[in-house]
Every structure is written in C-alpha cells, then in structure tokens.
C-alpha cells in the first residue's frame, strides 16, 4: 500500500525560480489574468514586486484581496482562471505560473514572518461579538475580516479539528495540512476562538447562540451531504461516498481510525463515478490505499470533464484508468455486496467486475445547521440570502442578524469563490453590527 500522507506531488518554486517566472510577466495594460481571477487579484502588480525581489510588497498586494493565498495558490483551478486567461496563451507560449508564484510568496511570508500579526490589546474593547458556523474557506476568510476589525470571534466546527473541507476534503498530497494549520494558528494569535466537536443544529441551535450574547451569526457550513444516483443496487455493501472516504483517510492518517475502517482495501477493484476534482482526489486516494485497479467512469467525453486538467494528468500518472461515455445503469451485487458496475457504453451495456464503487457526483447542503431557525429560508436545501427586509446587508438570511456564504448558499464551487464570499459577507456584517449598535454617548 502506498503512503497516504506523501509529500506534495507538485514541488514549489525556489526563490530564483519564482523571480524568473515573475519576470516573464508582460505587465499587460489590460491584464486578462485579472479578468479570469474570481477575486480580480492585481497579478501584474505582485509579479512586478516579486520580479524586483520585494516579496513583502508582493504579499501585501496579494493579501488585499485574498485571505488564503497559500491555499489558493495550490488548489485553485488556475488553468481555467488566471493562467487560462494569460495573454501568453494567444502566442502559444506557456502562461505565467501565477498559482506557483502566489504559493511561493505566501509560503515565504509565513516562513520568515514578513507580516506582523495585529493582536488586540488586553484592555481594548471589542467592536462586537460574532459566531461563525463552519471553519472551511468561507468561515476562515470571514474570521480574518472580523479579527482585523477588532471583533470577538468564535468559530464552531462539528469535527475535532478546524479547517473544514480544507482539512477533511482535500488530500494531503494536494494540500498539506501544515499549510491549513498555519492559517488556523494565525487566526488564534489574532484572538479568534475555535470551538470544535460542536454540531450547530444538534449540540446547540442558532437561537441559543444569540442567547449567549452574539451580535450576529455567519453560516459557512458548506455542502457536504452526499448525492446519490437513485439507481438499483445503491444500498449494496461496497458503495462508498467520496467525501466520506477522504474524511476517513484523514482520520486514519491522524491515528483516529484503524486501517480496517477505511472502505478501500488493498487489492480492491474500484470504480469512481464522476469527473470533478473530488473524483480526482478520490481515485488518487484509492490508488494510495492499495487498490489493484482504479477506474474513473464518466458519462460524457473528456472535453466535458469538470476536473482541472492538471488534476487529471496527476491521476493518469498515478495509474488511474479513465473510461469516457460510460453511463451508469445499475450496481450489481451478490450476498449484499457489490460485484459489478453495469454501464452503458457507445458499444452497448457491459458489467465491469469491481467490488468497490465510489460515488463522486457532487454534494448537497447539510440542513441540520438551520434546525430550529424557521426564519432561515431554504431552496433545494440551500440557504436563501438577500431576500428579506434587511436585504440591504449583503448575505443576510430571512432571520435578522444571521448571514450565510460559501457553498451553503452559492452551491458547490471553488475554494477561492467561497473565500471571496466569506470576505464580502463579513464586511457586510461589520456594517450591520455597527449600524445596529447605539452611538456612544457624548459629554
């Protein structure tokens, strides 16, 4: 069995490599790379700073719009965003490796602590008190904004470790957990409190959070509930949810679960259904857990694959076998266990002899979070925002003082989009809290 916690499969730049790459930037007057970036980061400006050796300035420019640059530099789909829009593509040249540059700058800043952390003084009065539900990219991004604005912040996380999907949904070989931990530690140093093993909606309700004196609540609990295909045989033993697999492997790597608890065993024949980034993470994890063969079956052709090409390429390197135009029909079984995957191909129906089937076709929101809060409107399970009387405050739900952002609102997208929305909604919440507090008395 391969090591499940191996080093990153894409090495980072050295200082010389990062500067040389930044110097390739043409500093376009109309930079298309910014157009392709969901947060419109000033890419030419930070390239210019880095190319002259000013890493601190480069980091400051990146941080104006990004709260998680070391993470986004690793997991963003750069080929379809900033790098995909780079003008170099038109000249049929290699685009500037913007993600690698961002990653280098953020890692360098962390290692040499170029950015002084602003801590609230012990006698300094807080501007307000905010609760955050979920510690994924939206929640962490919001926490940064509140901490910078001098708020008391408590982040509730249902698992025993903060980080959400960044910890439990993205494998170590793509996002080392030390990278996530350093953001958690930075927030802790800024005064943010993390309350783990607390499932909002089960252990405590949103109404009870308000009873503890919070001015507002931010919900960023994501979309983590598995989707099914609704096909015959889906209840067989051997059907595996991709996100649960990734979560369990993380717990195994931490020593919390035994090897026997992981559903993919050494020597298994595995099919992964789906072709998004979660499917790529799941199939590559399957290989690392010792599967004999791992197949990815997708109902359409490769051109419609949702995964980043870079992730597909890495999966191919790992030995994953891709089957295109394979439409799921049913799951075959014997004695209650999976024995095959029936699929419709361009040449007719076949049954692939496998004993494990990983479903990676997307996820849905976990509506437990909103239990007991009838004023929070849902649509297909997703939280509705900007629809009530307080719609002037971006991200507010139908319940006054409760805001939401990320995949729980905008449907599963990307880390950078969740981070962007977390930041935007947090700034809206700060405005809301300040406007609802009485003005200080004057003498």
Protein backbone atom coordinates (compact mmCIF):
# COMPACT_ATOMS: atom_id res chain seq x y z
CA UNK A 1 0.00 0.00 0.00
CA UNK A 2 1.31 3.44 -0.90
CA UNK A 3 1.82 6.07 1.79
CA UNK A 4 -1.37 8.09 2.15
CA UNK A 5 0.37 11.17 3.53
CA UNK A 6 3.11 11.64 0.97
CA UNK A 7 4.67 14.95 0.07
CA UNK A 8 3.04 17.38 -2.34
CA UNK A 9 3.04 15.99 -5.85
CA UNK A 10 3.83 19.42 -7.32
CA UNK A 11 7.01 20.94 -5.85
CA UNK A 12 7.12 24.63 -5.07
CA UNK A 13 9.42 27.22 -6.61
CA UNK A 14 12.80 28.22 -5.29
CA UNK A 15 13.44 31.95 -4.86
CA UNK A 16 15.33 32.10 -8.15
CA UNK A 17 12.59 30.20 -10.00
CA UNK A 18 9.84 32.42 -8.58
CA UNK A 19 11.61 35.65 -9.54
CA UNK A 20 12.43 34.32 -13.01
CA UNK A 21 8.81 33.35 -13.58
CA UNK A 22 7.51 36.71 -12.34
CA UNK A 23 9.90 38.44 -14.72
CA UNK A 24 8.20 36.69 -17.64
CA UNK A 25 5.03 38.70 -16.95
CA UNK A 26 4.37 41.25 -19.70
CA UNK A 27 2.58 43.68 -17.34
CA UNK A 28 -0.26 44.00 -19.85
CA UNK A 29 -2.15 47.33 -19.86
CA UNK A 30 -5.38 45.30 -19.86
CA UNK A 31 -4.41 42.20 -17.87
CA UNK A 32 -6.74 39.36 -18.81
CA UNK A 33 -5.35 37.32 -15.93
CA UNK A 34 -7.21 39.63 -13.54
CA UNK A 35 -10.39 39.11 -15.53
CA UNK A 36 -10.01 35.36 -15.11
CA UNK A 37 -9.38 35.61 -11.36
CA UNK A 38 -12.62 35.38 -9.30
CA UNK A 39 -11.24 37.95 -6.84
CA UNK A 40 -9.55 40.10 -9.53
CA UNK A 41 -6.22 39.98 -7.73
CA UNK A 42 -3.69 42.52 -9.03
CA UNK A 43 -1.50 39.88 -10.61
CA UNK A 44 0.76 42.20 -12.67
CA UNK A 45 1.44 44.31 -9.56
CA UNK A 46 2.54 41.40 -7.38
CA UNK A 47 4.59 39.97 -10.25
CA UNK A 48 6.29 43.35 -10.60
CA UNK A 49 7.09 43.46 -6.90
CA UNK A 50 8.42 39.90 -6.85
CA UNK A 51 10.48 40.38 -10.03
CA UNK A 52 12.41 43.14 -8.24
CA UNK A 53 12.88 40.95 -5.15
CA UNK A 54 10.31 42.72 -2.95
CA UNK A 55 8.49 39.71 -1.56
CA UNK A 56 6.91 41.64 1.31
CA UNK A 57 5.26 44.05 -1.12
CA UNK A 58 4.13 41.15 -3.32
CA UNK A 59 2.47 39.52 -0.30
CA UNK A 60 0.80 42.79 0.72
CA UNK A 61 -0.68 43.16 -2.77
CA UNK A 62 -1.98 39.56 -2.81
CA UNK A 63 -3.45 39.96 0.69
CA UNK A 64 -5.53 42.95 -0.31
CA UNK A 65 -7.97 40.52 -1.91
CA UNK A 66 -7.01 37.04 -0.73
CA UNK A 67 -7.18 35.79 2.86
CA UNK A 68 -5.84 32.30 1.99
CA UNK A 69 -3.11 32.75 -0.66
CA UNK A 70 -1.03 29.68 0.23
CA UNK A 71 -4.15 27.54 -0.14
CA UNK A 72 -5.50 29.20 -3.29
CA UNK A 73 -2.03 29.03 -4.83
CA UNK A 74 -2.26 25.25 -4.52
CA UNK A 75 -5.87 24.23 -5.14
CA UNK A 76 -7.42 26.87 -7.40
CA UNK A 77 -8.17 25.72 -10.98
CA UNK A 78 -5.61 28.16 -12.38
CA UNK A 79 -5.73 26.73 -15.89
CA UNK A 80 -9.35 27.88 -16.28
CA UNK A 81 -8.97 31.08 -14.29
CA UNK A 82 -5.95 33.41 -14.15
CA UNK A 83 -3.49 31.26 -16.11
CA UNK A 84 -6.13 30.29 -18.64
CA UNK A 85 -6.63 33.98 -19.44
CA UNK A 86 -2.93 34.86 -19.59
CA UNK A 87 -2.05 36.65 -22.85
CA UNK A 88 0.83 34.20 -23.34
CA UNK A 89 -1.73 31.59 -24.39
CA UNK A 90 -2.56 33.62 -27.50
CA UNK A 91 1.07 33.49 -28.54
CA UNK A 92 1.03 29.73 -27.92
CA UNK A 93 3.57 30.15 -25.15
CA UNK A 94 3.47 28.76 -21.64
CA UNK A 95 1.28 31.02 -19.44
CA UNK A 96 2.76 32.64 -16.37
CA UNK A 97 2.53 30.14 -13.50
CA UNK A 98 0.50 32.51 -11.34
CA UNK A 99 -0.57 29.85 -8.86
CA UNK A 100 3.00 28.77 -8.22
CA UNK A 101 4.05 32.39 -7.73
CA UNK A 102 1.21 33.04 -5.27
CA UNK A 103 2.10 29.87 -3.39
CA UNK A 104 5.78 30.83 -3.20
CA UNK A 105 5.07 34.34 -1.93
CA UNK A 106 2.65 33.09 0.74
CA UNK A 107 4.98 30.29 1.88
CA UNK A 108 7.95 32.68 2.03
CA UNK A 109 5.95 35.21 4.04
CA UNK A 110 4.93 32.52 6.51
CA UNK A 111 8.44 31.11 6.92
CA UNK A 112 10.08 34.48 7.50
CA UNK A 113 7.06 36.17 9.17
CA UNK A 114 7.14 39.26 6.97
CA UNK A 115 3.65 40.31 8.03
CA UNK A 116 3.20 41.43 11.62
CA UNK A 117 0.06 39.99 13.19
CA UNK A 118 -2.18 42.63 14.71
CA UNK A 119 -3.31 41.48 18.15
CA UNK A 120 -5.95 43.16 20.26
CA UNK A 121 -4.58 44.58 23.47
CA UNK A 122 -5.92 43.04 26.71
CA UNK A 123 -7.68 46.26 27.72
CA UNK A 124 -9.03 47.01 24.24
CA UNK A 125 -12.83 46.84 23.98
CA UNK A 126 -14.16 44.58 21.21
CA UNK A 127 -16.22 46.12 18.42
CA UNK A 128 -18.73 43.29 18.68
CA UNK A 129 -19.20 39.57 19.12
CA UNK A 130 -19.68 37.22 16.16
CA UNK A 131 -20.22 33.46 15.83
CA UNK A 132 -19.12 31.60 12.72
CA UNK A 133 -20.60 28.21 11.83
CA UNK A 134 -18.10 26.13 9.86
CA UNK A 135 -14.34 26.54 9.52
CA UNK A 136 -13.91 25.93 5.80
CA UNK A 137 -12.67 28.61 3.38
CA UNK A 138 -15.74 30.86 3.78
CA UNK A 139 -15.62 30.71 7.57
CA UNK A 140 -11.86 31.24 7.82
CA UNK A 141 -12.00 34.15 5.39
CA UNK A 142 -14.78 35.78 7.41
CA UNK A 143 -12.84 35.21 10.63
CA UNK A 144 -9.87 37.14 9.26
CA UNK A 145 -12.07 40.15 8.49
CA UNK A 146 -13.72 40.14 11.93
CA UNK A 147 -10.41 39.74 13.75
CA UNK A 148 -8.87 42.61 11.80
CA UNK A 149 -11.88 44.77 12.70
CA UNK A 150 -11.42 44.09 16.43
CA UNK A 151 -14.36 41.69 16.94
CA UNK A 152 -14.61 38.79 19.36
CA UNK A 153 -14.92 35.75 17.09
CA UNK A 154 -15.91 32.18 17.91
CA UNK A 155 -15.77 29.61 15.10
CA UNK A 156 -17.90 26.49 15.64
CA UNK A 157 -16.73 23.30 13.92
CA UNK A 158 -18.50 19.92 14.07
CA UNK A 159 -15.26 17.94 13.64
CA UNK A 160 -12.44 17.75 16.16
CA UNK A 161 -10.10 19.85 14.01
CA UNK A 162 -10.84 23.21 12.35
CA UNK A 163 -10.39 23.63 8.61
CA UNK A 164 -13.50 22.00 7.15
CA UNK A 165 -13.10 20.82 3.58
CA UNK A 166 -9.51 22.11 3.54
CA UNK A 167 -8.62 19.50 6.17
CA UNK A 168 -11.10 16.70 5.51
CA UNK A 169 -11.97 17.06 1.82
CA UNK A 170 -8.65 17.70 0.04
CA UNK A 171 -5.91 15.05 0.33
CA UNK A 172 -2.51 15.72 1.83
CA UNK A 173 -0.71 15.22 -1.48
CA UNK A 174 -2.62 18.18 -2.94
CA UNK A 175 -2.89 20.42 0.14
CA UNK A 176 -0.53 19.69 3.05
CA UNK A 177 -2.36 20.14 6.32
CA UNK A 178 0.51 22.19 7.76
CA UNK A 179 -0.47 24.90 5.28
CA UNK A 180 -4.01 24.98 6.70
CA UNK A 181 -2.76 24.79 10.27
CA UNK A 182 -0.68 27.92 9.90
CA UNK A 183 -3.80 29.90 8.96
CA UNK A 184 -5.61 28.47 11.98
CA UNK A 185 -2.67 29.43 14.20
CA UNK A 186 -2.54 32.92 12.74
CA UNK A 187 -6.23 33.42 13.47
CA UNK A 188 -5.74 32.09 17.01
CA UNK A 189 -2.90 34.60 17.50
CA UNK A 190 -5.31 37.32 16.34
CA UNK A 191 -7.72 36.32 19.10
CA UNK A 192 -10.11 34.04 17.20
CA UNK A 193 -11.54 31.18 19.27
CA UNK A 194 -12.30 27.76 17.76
CA UNK A 195 -14.94 25.55 19.36
CA UNK A 196 -14.64 22.05 17.87
CA UNK A 197 -16.81 18.93 18.21
CA UNK A 198 -19.87 21.19 18.22
CA UNK A 199 -22.54 20.49 15.62
CA UNK A 200 -24.76 23.54 15.18
CA UNK A 201 -28.36 22.38 14.91
CA UNK A 202 -27.68 19.32 17.08
CA UNK A 203 -25.49 20.35 20.01
CA UNK A 204 -26.61 23.98 20.03
CA UNK A 205 -29.03 25.95 17.87
CA UNK A 206 -28.52 29.33 16.24
CA UNK A 207 -31.13 30.82 18.59
CA UNK A 208 -29.13 29.54 21.56
CA UNK A 209 -26.00 31.15 20.13
CA UNK A 210 -27.79 34.51 20.18
CA UNK A 211 -28.79 33.85 23.80
CA UNK A 212 -25.06 33.83 24.60
CA UNK A 213 -24.77 37.47 23.61
CA UNK A 214 -23.63 37.34 20.00
CA UNK A 215 -24.44 40.29 17.75
CA UNK A 216 -24.61 38.21 14.56
CA UNK A 217 -24.05 34.70 13.19
CA UNK A 218 -22.26 33.75 9.99
CA UNK A 219 -23.16 30.36 8.45
CA UNK A 220 -20.48 28.88 6.22
CA UNK A 221 -21.11 25.19 6.76
CA UNK A 222 -20.70 24.23 3.10
CA UNK A 223 -22.36 21.45 1.14
CA UNK A 224 -21.12 18.12 2.42
CA UNK A 225 -24.12 15.76 2.27
CA UNK A 226 -23.61 13.05 -0.39
CA UNK A 227 -25.66 12.90 -3.57
CA UNK A 228 -26.94 9.60 -4.83
CA UNK A 229 -27.74 8.39 -8.33
CA UNK A 230 -31.01 6.68 -7.43
CA UNK A 231 -30.07 3.51 -9.32
CA UNK A 232 -30.73 -0.14 -8.46
CA UNK A 233 -28.17 -1.60 -6.08
CA UNK A 234 -27.18 1.67 -4.46
CA UNK A 235 -27.71 0.15 -0.99
CA UNK A 236 -25.17 -2.64 -1.53
CA UNK A 237 -22.17 -3.04 0.75
CA UNK A 238 -19.22 -1.62 -1.17
CA UNK A 239 -20.83 1.64 -2.23
CA UNK A 240 -18.60 4.46 -0.98
CA UNK A 241 -19.21 8.21 -0.72
CA UNK A 242 -16.15 10.11 -1.98
CA UNK A 243 -16.18 12.81 0.71
CA UNK A 244 -16.61 10.24 3.47
CA UNK A 245 -13.64 8.31 2.09
CA UNK A 246 -11.47 11.44 2.09
CA UNK A 247 -12.65 12.31 5.62
CA UNK A 248 -11.94 8.80 6.91
CA UNK A 249 -8.49 8.67 5.33
CA UNK A 250 -7.65 11.94 7.07
CA UNK A 251 -8.73 10.41 10.39
CA UNK A 252 -6.68 7.28 9.59
CA UNK A 253 -3.61 9.41 8.90
CA UNK A 254 -4.16 11.13 12.26
CA UNK A 255 -4.36 7.74 14.02
CA UNK A 256 -8.04 8.15 14.86
CA UNK A 257 -9.25 5.27 12.67
CA UNK A 258 -7.79 1.83 12.08
CA UNK A 259 -6.83 0.69 8.60
CA UNK A 260 -9.74 -1.76 8.69
CA UNK A 261 -12.18 1.17 8.99
CA UNK A 262 -11.19 2.51 5.56
CA UNK A 263 -13.57 1.16 2.93
CA UNK A 264 -10.95 0.82 0.18
CA UNK A 265 -8.81 -2.24 0.89
CA UNK A 266 -5.55 -3.40 -0.59
CA UNK A 267 -6.25 -5.35 -3.80
CA UNK A 268 -9.72 -3.89 -4.39
CA UNK A 269 -11.11 -3.32 -7.87
CA UNK A 270 -12.53 0.20 -7.75
CA UNK A 271 -14.72 2.37 -9.94
CA UNK A 272 -15.13 6.09 -9.28
CA UNK A 273 -18.23 7.66 -10.83
CA UNK A 274 -17.79 11.32 -11.70
CA UNK A 275 -15.11 13.54 -13.21
CA UNK A 276 -14.80 16.58 -10.95
CA UNK A 277 -11.92 17.46 -8.65
CA UNK A 278 -13.42 15.38 -5.81
CA UNK A 279 -13.45 12.38 -8.16
CA UNK A 280 -9.76 13.01 -8.92
CA UNK A 281 -8.97 13.21 -5.20
CA UNK A 282 -10.94 10.03 -4.54
CA UNK A 283 -9.39 7.98 -7.34
CA UNK A 284 -5.87 9.04 -6.40
CA UNK A 285 -6.61 8.23 -2.75
CA UNK A 286 -7.88 4.82 -3.86
CA UNK A 287 -4.53 4.15 -5.52
CA UNK A 288 -2.69 5.19 -2.38
CA UNK A 289 -4.85 2.90 -0.27
CA UNK A 290 -3.64 -0.04 -2.33
CA UNK A 291 -6.45 -0.71 -4.83
CA UNK A 292 -5.34 -3.13 -7.53
CA UNK A 293 -7.09 -1.17 -10.29
CA UNK A 294 -8.90 2.15 -10.07
CA UNK A 295 -11.19 3.27 -12.89
CA UNK A 296 -12.95 6.59 -13.36
CA UNK A 297 -16.18 6.32 -15.35
CA UNK A 298 -17.82 9.44 -16.74
CA UNK A 299 -21.00 9.66 -18.79
CA UNK A 300 -19.59 12.26 -21.22
CA UNK A 301 -16.35 12.76 -23.14
CA UNK A 302 -13.15 14.20 -21.70
CA UNK A 303 -13.94 17.67 -23.09
CA UNK A 304 -16.79 17.95 -20.56
CA UNK A 305 -14.73 16.82 -17.57
CA UNK A 306 -15.18 19.26 -14.67
CA UNK A 307 -11.86 18.47 -13.02
CA UNK A 308 -8.83 20.64 -13.65
CA UNK A 309 -6.64 19.13 -16.36
CA UNK A 310 -3.68 19.27 -14.00
CA UNK A 311 -5.54 17.02 -11.55
CA UNK A 312 -6.50 14.64 -14.37
CA UNK A 313 -2.87 14.49 -15.52
CA UNK A 314 -1.71 13.63 -12.00
CA UNK A 315 -4.34 10.88 -11.76
CA UNK A 316 -3.12 9.38 -15.03
CA UNK A 317 0.44 9.45 -13.66
CA UNK A 318 -0.82 7.57 -10.61
CA UNK A 319 -2.14 4.81 -12.86
CA UNK A 320 -5.87 5.62 -12.80
CA UNK A 321 -7.73 4.29 -15.85
CA UNK A 322 -10.34 6.59 -17.39
CA UNK A 323 -13.46 5.33 -19.17
CA UNK A 324 -15.37 8.00 -21.10
CA UNK A 325 -19.00 7.81 -22.23
CA UNK A 326 -19.84 5.25 -19.57
CA UNK A 327 -23.37 5.98 -18.34
CA UNK A 328 -24.33 4.32 -15.01
CA UNK A 329 -27.21 1.83 -15.30
CA UNK A 330 -27.13 -0.17 -12.06
CA UNK A 331 -24.90 -1.68 -9.41
CA UNK A 332 -24.65 -5.46 -9.44
CA UNK A 333 -24.32 -7.49 -6.26
CA UNK A 334 -24.33 -10.88 -4.62
CA UNK A 335 -24.93 -11.64 -0.98
CA UNK A 336 -25.49 -7.93 -0.34
CA UNK A 337 -22.07 -6.95 -1.66
CA UNK A 338 -21.03 -5.13 -4.83
CA UNK A 339 -19.79 -7.44 -7.58
CA UNK A 340 -20.02 -5.19 -10.62
CA UNK A 341 -20.93 -1.90 -12.23
CA UNK A 342 -23.38 -2.05 -15.12
CA UNK A 343 -22.75 0.78 -17.55
CA UNK A 344 -23.96 1.81 -20.97
CA UNK A 345 -21.10 2.50 -23.40
CA UNK A 346 -21.07 3.51 -27.09
CA UNK A 347 -20.69 -0.23 -27.83
CA UNK A 348 -23.57 -1.34 -25.63
CA UNK A 349 -24.07 -2.31 -21.99
CA UNK A 350 -21.28 -4.01 -20.08
CA UNK A 351 -20.69 -5.04 -16.48
CA UNK A 352 -17.34 -4.05 -15.03
CA UNK A 353 -16.25 -6.62 -12.39
CA UNK A 354 -15.45 -4.42 -9.39
CA UNK A 355 -16.06 -4.73 -5.66
CA UNK A 356 -16.00 -1.05 -4.62
CA UNK A 357 -17.84 1.86 -6.23
CA UNK A 358 -17.05 5.42 -5.16
CA UNK A 359 -19.76 8.00 -5.86
CA UNK A 360 -18.30 11.44 -6.64
CA UNK A 361 -21.10 13.25 -8.46
CA UNK A 362 -21.38 16.23 -6.13
CA UNK A 363 -22.79 17.06 -2.72
CA UNK A 364 -25.68 18.85 -1.10
CA UNK A 365 -26.07 21.09 1.95
CA UNK A 366 -26.45 19.64 5.40
CA UNK A 367 -29.66 21.31 6.58
CA UNK A 368 -29.07 20.29 10.22
CA UNK A 369 -27.34 23.64 10.77
CA UNK A 370 -30.58 25.57 10.35
CA UNK A 371 -32.63 23.29 12.66
CA UNK A 372 -34.81 25.38 14.95
CA UNK A 373 -34.47 28.56 12.85
CA UNK A 374 -37.67 28.71 10.83
CA UNK A 375 -36.93 32.24 9.57
CA UNK A 376 -33.98 30.95 7.54
CA UNK A 377 -35.40 30.16 4.12
CA UNK A 378 -34.14 27.21 2.10
CA UNK A 379 -34.38 26.46 -1.60
CA UNK A 380 -33.47 22.89 -2.56
CA UNK A 381 -31.65 22.77 0.78
CA UNK A 382 -29.52 25.85 0.09
CA UNK A 383 -29.85 28.95 2.25
CA UNK A 384 -31.60 31.92 0.62
CA UNK A 385 -29.96 35.28 1.28
CA UNK A 386 -30.68 38.92 0.33
CA UNK A 387 -34.43 38.26 0.23
CA UNK A 388 -35.77 39.82 3.41
CA UNK A 389 -36.40 43.29 4.77
CA UNK A 390 -32.72 43.61 5.64
CA UNK A 391 -31.58 42.80 2.10
CA UNK A 392 -29.51 45.97 2.05
CA UNK A 393 -26.95 43.96 4.02
CA UNK A 394 -25.32 41.53 1.61
CA UNK A 395 -25.62 37.91 2.65
CA UNK A 396 -28.32 38.28 5.32
CA UNK A 397 -30.84 35.46 5.56
CA UNK A 398 -34.52 35.83 6.42
CA UNK A 399 -33.53 35.77 10.09
CA UNK A 400 -32.24 39.11 11.30
CA UNK A 401 -28.58 39.01 12.24
CA UNK A 402 -27.93 35.66 10.52
CA UNK A 403 -25.81 35.75 7.39
CA UNK A 404 -24.54 32.97 5.12
CA UNK A 405 -21.94 32.48 2.39
CA UNK A 406 -20.00 29.83 0.53
CA UNK A 407 -21.28 26.54 -0.85
CA UNK A 408 -24.26 26.53 1.54
CA UNK A 409 -25.59 29.50 -0.48
CA UNK A 410 -23.90 29.53 -3.86
CA UNK A 411 -23.82 25.78 -4.46
CA UNK A 412 -20.55 23.84 -4.61
CA UNK A 413 -17.95 25.88 -6.48
CA UNK A 414 -14.32 26.52 -5.58
CA UNK A 415 -12.22 27.46 -2.56
CA UNK A 416 -11.46 30.90 -3.95
CA UNK A 417 -15.14 31.70 -4.52
CA UNK A 418 -16.07 30.58 -1.01
CA UNK A 419 -13.22 32.70 0.36
CA UNK A 420 -14.38 35.69 -1.70
CA UNK A 421 -17.96 35.41 -0.48
CA UNK A 422 -16.85 34.89 3.12
CA UNK A 423 -14.87 38.12 2.97
CA UNK A 424 -17.66 40.06 1.27
CA UNK A 425 -20.36 38.92 3.69
CA UNK A 426 -18.14 39.55 6.73
CA UNK A 427 -17.65 43.18 5.64
CA UNK A 428 -21.43 43.47 5.25
CA UNK A 429 -21.93 42.03 8.74
CA UNK A 430 -19.48 44.53 10.24
CA UNK A 431 -21.51 47.34 8.69
CA UNK A 432 -24.74 45.78 10.01
CA UNK A 433 -23.44 45.38 13.56
CA UNK A 434 -22.03 48.89 13.70
CA UNK A 435 -25.30 50.36 12.42
CA UNK A 436 -27.38 48.42 14.95
CA UNK A 437 -25.33 49.42 17.99
CA UNK A 438 -26.26 52.64 19.81
CA UNK A 439 -24.00 55.59 19.18
CA UNK A 440 -21.57 56.30 22.04
CA UNK A 441 -22.72 58.94 24.48
CA UNK A 442 -21.12 62.34 24.27
CA UNK A 443 -20.49 64.66 27.18
